Structures are given as structure tokens and as C-alpha cells.
Amino acid sequence: EVQLQASGGGSVQTGGSLRLSCVVSGLNFDDHAIGWFRQAPGKEREGISCISTRDGQTLYADSAVKDRFTISSDKAKNTVYLQMNSLKPEDTAVYYCAADYYTGTYYWNSWRAPAMDYWGRGTQVTVSS
């Protein structure tokens, strides 16, 4: 059984930091891009960042995300992390971990919610002003 267990959410003030963790089991870590989406109330689920652990490639939604968030992985722990710094109220959302099977090179335009093979339960991130 494939499981993605996300944790690390919480409530912080503007400018604070959080580190999300996604522990993956039941799938081959290196055959999947693994990363994060978020969904704010009334909005669509949007991709934030993912990592293809086979080659260490990291991808981000845009430069604004990349400037504040860092994705990383620990293969020994089958875990993907998302370090989030300089948090803003607009970062408030439920954050979801996901995995997408792939071959070859992974591209950002593949990191779309409908295409994901596996999902974890969300973890709430709330940033207050």
C-alpha cells in the first residue's frame, strides 16, 4: 500500500518559517517525482514544488516561490521536505504531498494535480499578519 504522510504544518506569523515533511512508503522513491501542492479556501489546488529524486532535479512554480521555499529529499528516510521561509498570509492553505510516476526527465508542466498518481492527506499552514 502506498502512503504519503505529510506533517509539519502549523500557525505562524508573517515572516515565520515552517518545514513540511512527506514520508513516502510503498513505492519506489526514485521512480517518482514527489512534492507539494497547496489549496486555499475557494481556490484550485496549485503546484508549489517537486523533486525528482533519481537525479536530484528540483522544480518550482515560479521565482517567487523559489526565493522563499526549498525542496529537498532524504532517500535514506524516504522523505521529502519543503522548507518555507518568509511566510506571508497568502501562503495560508492546506498543503498536500503528492507523487507522480515518470520516466526520463521530469518537467514542471507535468506537475499538475489531475496527473498525480498518489496523494497524502493535507497539512494546514496558517500565516497571520
N, C-alpha and C. Protein backbone atom coordinates (compact mmCIF):
# COMPACT_ATOMS: atom_id res chain seq x y z
N GLU A 1 0.84 -1.19 0.00
CA GLU A 1 0.00 0.00 0.00
C GLU A 1 0.88 1.25 0.00
N VAL A 2 0.57 2.15 -0.91
CA VAL A 2 1.33 3.40 -0.99
C VAL A 2 0.77 4.39 0.03
N GLN A 3 1.69 4.99 0.77
CA GLN A 3 1.29 6.01 1.73
C GLN A 3 2.21 7.21 1.63
N LEU A 4 1.61 8.38 1.65
CA LEU A 4 2.36 9.62 1.74
C LEU A 4 1.84 10.33 2.98
N GLN A 5 2.72 10.50 3.95
CA GLN A 5 2.30 11.10 5.22
C GLN A 5 2.93 12.47 5.38
N ALA A 6 2.10 13.48 5.26
CA ALA A 6 2.58 14.86 5.37
C ALA A 6 2.42 15.35 6.80
N SER A 7 3.37 16.15 7.22
CA SER A 7 3.32 16.75 8.54
C SER A 7 4.11 18.05 8.54
N GLY A 8 4.02 18.78 9.63
CA GLY A 8 4.83 19.98 9.78
C GLY A 8 4.07 21.28 9.65
N GLY A 9 2.81 21.21 9.31
CA GLY A 9 2.03 22.45 9.23
C GLY A 9 1.82 23.08 10.60
N GLY A 10 1.29 24.27 10.58
CA GLY A 10 1.03 24.96 11.84
C GLY A 10 0.65 26.40 11.60
N SER A 11 0.64 27.15 12.68
CA SER A 11 0.30 28.57 12.61
C SER A 11 1.52 29.40 12.96
N VAL A 12 1.84 30.35 12.08
CA VAL A 12 2.98 31.23 12.31
C VAL A 12 2.57 32.65 11.94
N GLN A 13 3.38 33.58 12.34
CA GLN A 13 3.17 34.96 11.95
C GLN A 13 3.92 35.27 10.66
N THR A 14 3.54 36.36 10.04
CA THR A 14 4.21 36.79 8.82
C THR A 14 5.72 36.87 9.05
N GLY A 15 6.45 36.31 8.10
CA GLY A 15 7.90 36.27 8.21
C GLY A 15 8.45 35.02 8.85
N GLY A 16 7.56 34.21 9.41
CA GLY A 16 8.00 32.98 10.06
C GLY A 16 8.36 31.88 9.08
N SER A 17 8.76 30.74 9.64
CA SER A 17 9.19 29.60 8.83
C SER A 17 8.51 28.32 9.31
N LEU A 18 8.36 27.41 8.39
CA LEU A 18 7.88 26.06 8.70
C LEU A 18 8.60 25.09 7.78
N ARG A 19 8.74 23.87 8.24
CA ARG A 19 9.27 22.81 7.39
C ARG A 19 8.27 21.68 7.32
N LEU A 20 7.79 21.43 6.13
CA LEU A 20 6.88 20.32 5.90
C LEU A 20 7.68 19.07 5.56
N SER A 21 7.16 17.93 6.00
CA SER A 21 7.78 16.64 5.70
C SER A 21 6.76 15.74 5.05
N CYS A 22 7.22 14.94 4.12
CA CYS A 22 6.37 13.93 3.47
C CYS A 22 7.12 12.61 3.49
N VAL A 23 6.66 11.70 4.32
CA VAL A 23 7.27 10.38 4.40
C VAL A 23 6.53 9.45 3.45
N VAL A 24 7.29 8.83 2.56
CA VAL A 24 6.72 8.01 1.49
C VAL A 24 7.01 6.54 1.76
N SER A 25 6.01 5.71 1.57
CA SER A 25 6.20 4.26 1.69
C SER A 25 5.38 3.55 0.63
N GLY A 26 5.85 2.36 0.25
CA GLY A 26 5.10 1.54 -0.68
C GLY A 26 5.35 1.82 -2.14
N LEU A 27 6.27 2.71 -2.46
CA LEU A 27 6.61 2.94 -3.86
C LEU A 27 8.11 3.16 -3.99
N ASN A 28 8.58 3.01 -5.22
CA ASN A 28 9.99 3.22 -5.48
C ASN A 28 10.26 4.72 -5.53
N PHE A 29 11.01 5.17 -4.55
CA PHE A 29 11.28 6.61 -4.40
C PHE A 29 11.86 7.20 -5.67
N ASP A 30 12.75 6.50 -6.33
CA ASP A 30 13.46 7.05 -7.48
C ASP A 30 12.66 7.03 -8.77
N ASP A 31 11.52 6.39 -8.78
CA ASP A 31 10.69 6.34 -9.98
C ASP A 31 9.60 7.40 -9.99
N HIS A 32 9.64 8.27 -8.97
CA HIS A 32 8.56 9.24 -8.86
C HIS A 32 9.09 10.65 -8.60
N ALA A 33 8.42 11.60 -9.20
CA ALA A 33 8.58 12.98 -8.76
C ALA A 33 7.68 13.14 -7.54
N ILE A 34 8.23 13.74 -6.50
CA ILE A 34 7.48 13.89 -5.26
C ILE A 34 7.53 15.34 -4.83
N GLY A 35 6.43 15.85 -4.37
CA GLY A 35 6.45 17.26 -3.99
C GLY A 35 5.15 17.73 -3.39
N TRP A 36 4.87 19.00 -3.62
CA TRP A 36 3.82 19.66 -2.87
C TRP A 36 2.87 20.48 -3.74
N PHE A 37 1.61 20.42 -3.32
CA PHE A 37 0.57 21.30 -3.81
C PHE A 37 0.00 22.04 -2.60
N ARG A 38 -0.74 23.07 -2.87
CA ARG A 38 -1.49 23.72 -1.81
C ARG A 38 -2.84 24.17 -2.35
N GLN A 39 -3.78 24.26 -1.41
CA GLN A 39 -5.12 24.69 -1.79
C GLN A 39 -5.66 25.62 -0.72
N ALA A 40 -5.91 26.84 -1.11
CA ALA A 40 -6.51 27.83 -0.23
C ALA A 40 -8.03 27.76 -0.38
N PRO A 41 -8.78 28.20 0.62
CA PRO A 41 -10.24 28.17 0.53
C PRO A 41 -10.75 28.88 -0.72
N GLY A 42 -11.61 28.19 -1.46
CA GLY A 42 -12.19 28.78 -2.65
C GLY A 42 -11.30 28.82 -3.87
N LYS A 43 -10.11 28.24 -3.76
CA LYS A 43 -9.17 28.27 -4.88
C LYS A 43 -8.83 26.85 -5.33
N GLU A 44 -8.29 26.78 -6.53
CA GLU A 44 -7.87 25.49 -7.06
C GLU A 44 -6.57 25.05 -6.40
N ARG A 45 -6.37 23.75 -6.43
CA ARG A 45 -5.12 23.21 -5.91
C ARG A 45 -4.00 23.56 -6.88
N GLU A 46 -2.93 24.13 -6.36
CA GLU A 46 -1.84 24.59 -7.21
C GLU A 46 -0.53 23.91 -6.82
N GLY A 47 0.27 23.64 -7.84
CA GLY A 47 1.58 23.04 -7.59
C GLY A 47 2.54 24.07 -7.03
N ILE A 48 3.35 23.64 -6.06
CA ILE A 48 4.33 24.51 -5.44
C ILE A 48 5.74 24.11 -5.86
N SER A 49 6.06 22.87 -5.66
CA SER A 49 7.42 22.42 -5.94
C SER A 49 7.46 20.91 -5.96
N CYS A 50 8.41 20.36 -6.69
CA CYS A 50 8.61 18.92 -6.68
C CYS A 50 10.08 18.61 -6.91
N ILE A 51 10.43 17.37 -6.60
CA ILE A 51 11.80 16.92 -6.77
C ILE A 51 11.79 15.55 -7.42
N SER A 52 12.66 15.37 -8.39
CA SER A 52 12.83 14.05 -8.98
C SER A 52 14.06 13.46 -8.33
N THR A 53 13.84 12.57 -7.39
CA THR A 53 14.94 12.10 -6.55
C THR A 53 15.97 11.28 -7.32
N ARG A 54 15.59 10.75 -8.47
CA ARG A 54 16.54 9.97 -9.26
C ARG A 54 17.74 10.80 -9.67
N ASP A 55 17.49 12.06 -10.05
CA ASP A 55 18.60 12.90 -10.49
C ASP A 55 18.76 14.16 -9.65
N GLY A 56 17.92 14.31 -8.63
CA GLY A 56 18.03 15.46 -7.75
C GLY A 56 17.48 16.75 -8.30
N GLN A 57 16.81 16.68 -9.43
CA GLN A 57 16.28 17.90 -10.04
C GLN A 57 15.16 18.46 -9.17
N THR A 58 15.23 19.76 -8.93
CA THR A 58 14.17 20.43 -8.17
C THR A 58 13.45 21.43 -9.06
N LEU A 59 12.16 21.47 -8.93
CA LEU A 59 11.35 22.35 -9.75
C LEU A 59 10.43 23.16 -8.86
N TYR A 60 10.16 24.40 -9.28
CA TYR A 60 9.32 25.30 -8.51
C TYR A 60 8.30 25.99 -9.41
N ALA A 61 7.22 26.41 -8.78
CA ALA A 61 6.15 27.05 -9.54
C ALA A 61 6.64 28.32 -10.23
N ASP A 62 7.37 29.14 -9.52
CA ASP A 62 7.88 30.39 -10.08
C ASP A 62 9.00 30.90 -9.19
N SER A 63 9.57 32.01 -9.60
CA SER A 63 10.71 32.55 -8.86
C SER A 63 10.29 33.05 -7.48
N ALA A 64 9.05 33.48 -7.36
CA ALA A 64 8.58 33.98 -6.06
C ALA A 64 8.56 32.85 -5.04
N VAL A 65 8.20 31.68 -5.46
CA VAL A 65 8.23 30.50 -4.58
C VAL A 65 9.67 30.08 -4.33
N LYS A 66 10.44 30.03 -5.38
CA LYS A 66 11.82 29.56 -5.27
C LYS A 66 12.65 30.44 -4.34
N ASP A 67 12.31 31.71 -4.29
CA ASP A 67 13.07 32.62 -3.44
C ASP A 67 12.85 32.36 -1.96
N ARG A 68 11.72 31.73 -1.61
CA ARG A 68 11.38 31.55 -0.20
C ARG A 68 11.30 30.09 0.23
N PHE A 69 11.01 29.20 -0.72
CA PHE A 69 10.81 27.80 -0.38
C PHE A 69 11.95 26.96 -0.96
N THR A 70 12.32 25.91 -0.23
CA THR A 70 13.35 25.00 -0.71
C THR A 70 12.87 23.57 -0.52
N ILE A 71 12.88 22.81 -1.61
CA ILE A 71 12.51 21.40 -1.52
C ILE A 71 13.78 20.56 -1.47
N SER A 72 13.72 19.48 -0.70
CA SER A 72 14.87 18.59 -0.59
C SER A 72 14.37 17.19 -0.27
N SER A 73 15.26 16.23 -0.34
CA SER A 73 14.86 14.86 -0.04
C SER A 73 15.95 14.14 0.73
N ASP A 74 15.55 13.16 1.47
CA ASP A 74 16.46 12.27 2.19
C ASP A 74 16.07 10.86 1.79
N LYS A 75 16.84 10.28 0.88
CA LYS A 75 16.49 8.95 0.37
C LYS A 75 16.53 7.90 1.46
N ALA A 76 17.44 8.04 2.38
CA ALA A 76 17.55 7.04 3.45
C ALA A 76 16.29 7.01 4.31
N LYS A 77 15.60 8.14 4.37
CA LYS A 77 14.38 8.22 5.17
C LYS A 77 13.12 8.23 4.31
N ASN A 78 13.30 8.11 2.98
CA ASN A 78 12.15 8.17 2.06
C ASN A 78 11.28 9.39 2.36
N THR A 79 11.93 10.51 2.54
CA THR A 79 11.22 11.71 2.96
C THR A 79 11.58 12.89 2.06
N VAL A 80 10.57 13.66 1.74
CA VAL A 80 10.76 14.91 1.02
C VAL A 80 10.34 16.05 1.94
N TYR A 81 11.14 17.10 1.92
CA TYR A 81 10.89 18.24 2.79
C TYR A 81 10.59 19.49 1.96
N LEU A 82 9.84 20.39 2.56
CA LEU A 82 9.65 21.71 1.98
C LEU A 82 9.90 22.72 3.07
N GLN A 83 11.04 23.38 2.97
CA GLN A 83 11.38 24.44 3.90
C GLN A 83 10.77 25.73 3.40
N MET A 84 9.93 26.33 4.23
CA MET A 84 9.23 27.55 3.83
C MET A 84 9.65 28.69 4.74
N ASN A 85 10.26 29.69 4.15
CA ASN A 85 10.72 30.86 4.90
C ASN A 85 9.96 32.11 4.47
N SER A 86 10.08 33.14 5.26
CA SER A 86 9.44 34.43 4.95
C SER A 86 7.97 34.25 4.57
N LEU A 87 7.27 33.50 5.38
CA LEU A 87 5.89 33.18 5.06
C LEU A 87 5.00 34.42 5.09
N LYS A 88 4.01 34.40 4.21
CA LYS A 88 3.08 35.51 4.06
C LYS A 88 1.66 35.00 4.28
N PRO A 89 0.73 35.89 4.62
CA PRO A 89 -0.66 35.44 4.80
C PRO A 89 -1.20 34.72 3.57
N GLU A 90 -0.77 35.12 2.39
CA GLU A 90 -1.26 34.46 1.17
C GLU A 90 -0.72 33.04 1.00
N ASP A 91 0.19 32.63 1.85
CA ASP A 91 0.66 31.24 1.85
C ASP A 91 -0.28 30.34 2.65
N THR A 92 -1.25 30.92 3.32
CA THR A 92 -2.21 30.14 4.10
C THR A 92 -2.98 29.20 3.18
N ALA A 93 -2.94 27.93 3.50
CA ALA A 93 -3.57 26.91 2.66
C ALA A 93 -3.39 25.55 3.33
N VAL A 94 -4.07 24.57 2.77
CA VAL A 94 -3.78 23.18 3.10
C VAL A 94 -2.72 22.71 2.11
N TYR A 95 -1.65 22.16 2.62
CA TYR A 95 -0.55 21.70 1.78
C TYR A 95 -0.61 20.18 1.66
N TYR A 96 -0.52 19.71 0.41
CA TYR A 96 -0.62 18.30 0.12
C TYR A 96 0.67 17.78 -0.50
N CYS A 97 1.06 16.60 -0.07
CA CYS A 97 2.17 15.90 -0.68
C CYS A 97 1.62 14.98 -1.78
N ALA A 98 2.35 14.85 -2.87
CA ALA A 98 1.90 14.01 -3.98
C ALA A 98 3.10 13.35 -4.66
N ALA A 99 2.80 12.30 -5.41
CA ALA A 99 3.84 11.58 -6.15
C ALA A 99 3.34 11.26 -7.55
N ASP A 100 4.25 11.37 -8.50
CA ASP A 100 3.91 11.15 -9.91
C ASP A 100 4.97 10.25 -10.52
N TYR A 101 4.55 9.08 -11.02
CA TYR A 101 5.48 8.16 -11.67
C TYR A 101 5.97 8.77 -12.97
N TYR A 102 7.25 8.61 -13.27
CA TYR A 102 7.76 9.15 -14.52
C TYR A 102 8.95 8.35 -15.00
N THR A 103 9.24 8.53 -16.28
CA THR A 103 10.47 8.01 -16.87
C THR A 103 11.14 9.16 -17.60
N GLY A 104 12.44 9.04 -17.79
CA GLY A 104 13.16 10.10 -18.49
C GLY A 104 13.36 11.32 -17.61
N THR A 105 13.14 12.47 -18.18
CA THR A 105 13.31 13.73 -17.47
C THR A 105 11.95 14.28 -17.07
N TYR A 106 11.89 14.81 -15.86
CA TYR A 106 10.61 15.36 -15.37
C TYR A 106 10.59 16.86 -15.63
N TYR A 107 9.46 17.34 -16.12
CA TYR A 107 9.31 18.76 -16.40
C TYR A 107 8.19 19.36 -15.56
N TRP A 108 8.28 20.65 -15.29
CA TRP A 108 7.32 21.30 -14.42
C TRP A 108 5.89 21.19 -14.96
N ASN A 109 5.72 21.23 -16.26
CA ASN A 109 4.35 21.19 -16.78
C ASN A 109 3.68 19.83 -16.54
N SER A 110 4.43 18.87 -16.03
CA SER A 110 3.83 17.58 -15.66
C SER A 110 3.27 17.61 -14.25
N TRP A 111 3.72 18.58 -13.46
CA TRP A 111 3.31 18.64 -12.05
C TRP A 111 1.96 19.32 -11.94
N ARG A 112 0.93 18.60 -12.29
CA ARG A 112 -0.43 19.09 -12.26
C ARG A 112 -1.27 18.15 -11.41
N ALA A 113 -2.20 18.73 -10.65
CA ALA A 113 -2.98 17.93 -9.71
C ALA A 113 -3.68 16.74 -10.38
N PRO A 114 -4.33 16.92 -11.53
CA PRO A 114 -5.05 15.77 -12.12
C PRO A 114 -4.13 14.62 -12.54
N ALA A 115 -2.85 14.92 -12.69
CA ALA A 115 -1.92 13.90 -13.20
C ALA A 115 -1.25 13.09 -12.10
N MET A 116 -1.44 13.47 -10.85
CA MET A 116 -0.73 12.80 -9.78
C MET A 116 -1.24 11.37 -9.57
N ASP A 117 -0.30 10.48 -9.24
CA ASP A 117 -0.65 9.09 -9.01
C ASP A 117 -1.06 8.83 -7.57
N TYR A 118 -0.44 9.56 -6.67
CA TYR A 118 -0.71 9.33 -5.25
C TYR A 118 -0.77 10.67 -4.51
N TRP A 119 -1.59 10.67 -3.47
CA TRP A 119 -1.75 11.85 -2.63
C TRP A 119 -1.65 11.47 -1.16
N GLY A 120 -1.13 12.41 -0.40
CA GLY A 120 -1.19 12.30 1.04
C GLY A 120 -2.30 13.20 1.57
N ARG A 121 -2.59 13.05 2.82
CA ARG A 121 -3.54 13.96 3.45
C ARG A 121 -2.88 15.31 3.64
N GLY A 122 -3.66 16.33 3.68
CA GLY A 122 -3.12 17.66 3.78
C GLY A 122 -2.67 18.04 5.18
N THR A 123 -1.84 19.05 5.21
CA THR A 123 -1.44 19.64 6.48
C THR A 123 -1.68 21.15 6.39
N GLN A 124 -2.34 21.69 7.39
CA GLN A 124 -2.75 23.09 7.34
C GLN A 124 -1.59 24.01 7.71
N VAL A 125 -1.43 25.04 6.88
CA VAL A 125 -0.48 26.11 7.16
C VAL A 125 -1.27 27.41 7.26
N THR A 126 -1.14 28.09 8.37
CA THR A 126 -1.84 29.35 8.58
C THR A 126 -0.82 30.42 8.94
N VAL A 127 -0.84 31.50 8.16
CA VAL A 127 0.09 32.60 8.40
C VAL A 127 -0.73 33.84 8.74
N SER A 128 -0.51 34.37 9.90
CA SER A 128 -1.27 35.54 10.35
C SER A 128 -0.42 36.80 10.22
N SER A 129 -1.12 37.89 9.97
CA SER A 129 -0.41 39.17 9.80
C SER A 129 -0.21 39.87 11.13
